[in-house]
C-alpha atoms as a PDB file:
ATOM      1  CA  MET A   1       0.000   0.000   0.000  1.00  0.00           C
ATOM      2  CA  ALA A   2       1.604   3.201  -1.197  1.00  0.00           C
ATOM      3  CA  PHE A   3      -0.128   5.284   1.472  1.00  0.00           C
ATOM      4  CA  MET A   4       1.589   3.388   4.285  1.00  0.00           C
ATOM      5  CA  ARG A   5       4.994   3.713   2.574  1.00  0.00           C
ATOM      6  CA  LYS A   6       4.468   7.441   1.930  1.00  0.00           C
ATOM      7  CA  THR A   7       5.943   7.108  -1.537  1.00  0.00           C
ATOM      8  CA  GLY A   8       4.132  10.179  -2.816  1.00  0.00           C
ATOM      9  CA  ASP A   9       2.326   8.297  -5.553  1.00  0.00           C
ATOM     10  CA  THR A  10      -0.803   7.608  -3.542  1.00  0.00           C
ATOM     11  CA  ALA A  11      -4.010   7.849  -5.498  1.00  0.00           C
ATOM     12  CA  PRO A  12      -6.621  10.139  -3.898  1.00  0.00           C
ATOM     13  CA  GLN A  13      -9.071   7.236  -3.735  1.00  0.00           C
ATOM     14  CA  GLU A  14      -6.536   5.074  -1.880  1.00  0.00           C
ATOM     15  CA  ALA A  15      -5.839   7.860   0.616  1.00  0.00           C
ATOM     16  CA  LEU A  16      -9.555   8.335   1.207  1.00  0.00           C
ATOM     17  CA  ILE A  17     -10.168   4.626   1.751  1.00  0.00           C
ATOM     18  CA  TYR A  18      -7.177   4.352   4.085  1.00  0.00           C
ATOM     19  CA  THR A  19      -8.304   7.345   6.150  1.00  0.00           C
ATOM     20  CA  TYR A  20     -11.874   6.035   6.331  1.00  0.00           C
ATOM     21  CA  TRP A  21     -10.856   2.605   7.610  1.00  0.00           C
ATOM     22  CA  ALA A  22      -8.189   3.982   9.953  1.00  0.00           C
ATOM     23  CA  THR A  23     -10.886   6.167  11.528  1.00  0.00           C
ATOM     24  CA  ILE A  24     -13.372   3.283  11.783  1.00  0.00           C
ATOM     25  CA  LEU A  25     -10.765   1.016  13.378  1.00  0.00           C
ATOM     26  CA  HIS A  26      -9.745   3.747  15.823  1.00  0.00           C
ATOM     27  CA  LEU A  27     -13.358   4.206  16.937  1.00  0.00           C
ATOM     28  CA  LEU A  28     -13.819   0.453  17.322  1.00  0.00           C
ATOM     29  CA  LYS A  29     -10.574   0.228  19.297  1.00  0.00           C
ATOM     30  CA  ILE A  30     -11.758   2.801  21.830  1.00  0.00           C
ATOM     31  CA  GLY A  31     -14.910   0.773  22.354  1.00  0.00           C
ATOM     32  CA  ILE A  32     -17.571   2.386  20.206  1.00  0.00           C
ATOM     33  CA  ALA A  33     -20.069  -0.055  18.719  1.00  0.00           C
ATOM     34  CA  TRP A  34     -20.197  -0.550  14.948  1.00  0.00           C
ATOM     35  CA  GLU A  35     -23.895   0.315  14.900  1.00  0.00           C
ATOM     36  CA  ALA A  36     -23.230   3.622  16.661  1.00  0.00           C
ATOM     37  CA  ILE A  37     -20.356   4.486  14.316  1.00  0.00           C
ATOM     38  CA  ASN A  38     -22.650   3.994  11.322  1.00  0.00           C
ATOM     39  CA  ASN A  39     -25.080   6.561  12.721  1.00  0.00           C
ATOM     40  CA  PHE A  40     -22.532   9.285  13.577  1.00  0.00           C
ATOM     41  CA  THR A  41     -22.122  12.380  11.454  1.00  0.00           C
ATOM     42  CA  GLU A  42     -18.649  13.482  10.402  1.00  0.00           C
ATOM     43  CA  ASN A  43     -18.764  16.264  13.020  1.00  0.00           C
ATOM     44  CA  GLU A  44     -19.669  13.807  15.767  1.00  0.00           C
ATOM     45  CA  ILE A  45     -16.768  11.560  14.791  1.00  0.00           C
ATOM     46  CA  ASN A  46     -14.402  14.542  14.858  1.00  0.00           C
ATOM     47  CA  ILE A  47     -15.615  15.504  18.336  1.00  0.00           C
ATOM     48  CA  ILE A  48     -15.235  11.941  19.646  1.00  0.00           C
ATOM     49  CA  ILE A  49     -11.704  11.630  18.276  1.00  0.00           C
ATOM     50  CA  GLY A  50     -10.771  15.081  19.596  1.00  0.00           C
ATOM     51  CA  VAL A  51     -12.043  14.308  23.087  1.00  0.00           C
ATOM     52  CA  GLN A  52     -10.252  10.949  23.080  1.00  0.00           C
ATOM     53  CA  GLN A  53      -6.991  12.638  22.051  1.00  0.00           C
ATOM     54  CA  ALA A  54      -7.413  15.197  24.846  1.00  0.00           C
ATOM     55  CA  ILE A  55      -7.947  12.391  27.377  1.00  0.00           C
ATOM     56  CA  ASP A  56      -4.885  10.536  26.071  1.00  0.00           C
ATOM     57  CA  GLN A  57      -2.786  13.710  26.313  1.00  0.00           C
ATOM     58  CA  LYS A  58      -3.921  14.388  29.880  1.00  0.00           C
ATOM     59  CA  GLU A  59      -3.032  10.826  30.879  1.00  0.00           C
ATOM     60  CA  ALA A  60       0.400  11.176  29.250  1.00  0.00           C
ATOM     61  CA  ASP A  61       0.977  14.495  31.054  1.00  0.00           C
ATOM     62  CA  ASP A  62      -0.100  12.970  34.388  1.00  0.00           C
ATOM     63  CA  ASN A  63       2.224  10.004  33.858  1.00  0.00           C
ATOM     64  CA  ALA A  64       5.128  12.305  32.975  1.00  0.00           C
ATOM     65  CA  ARG A  65       4.537  14.359  36.131  1.00  0.00           C
ATOM     66  CA  GLN A  66       4.380  11.212  38.238  1.00  0.00           C
ATOM     67  CA  MET A  67       7.633   9.909  36.707  1.00  0.00           C
ATOM     68  CA  ALA A  68       9.329  13.254  37.338  1.00  0.00           C
ATOM     69  CA  ARG A  69       8.233  13.189  40.989  1.00  0.00           C
ATOM     70  CA  SER A  70       9.424   9.624  41.486  1.00  0.00           C
ATOM     71  CA  ASN A  71      12.801  10.456  39.860  1.00  0.00           C
ATOM     72  CA  MET A  72      13.226  13.370  42.260  1.00  0.00           C
ATOM     73  CA  LYS A  73      12.703  11.021  45.223  1.00  0.00           C
ATOM     74  CA  LEU A  74      15.418   8.542  44.192  1.00  0.00           C
ATOM     75  CA  PRO A  75      18.462   8.649  46.482  1.00  0.00           C
ATOM     76  CA  GLY A  76      21.770   9.608  44.949  1.00  0.00           C
ATOM     77  CA  MET A  77      20.262  11.566  42.099  1.00  0.00           C
END
């Protein structure tokens, strides 16, 4: 698949199909039912993905803060 290799010769139709299925698989992976996905509008999908990304970023920030705190507590550092 040229899209995955980023060769620059990706047909617009291939890029569209790839993006569509990547989005569907992402929604399924976060636990949204297939039936619900089929009823969402494009705007609703964008909101869901945006909120999920915000949650993921907050969790990553919290984990980074926790790691920084635990590194500060290590003796000899």
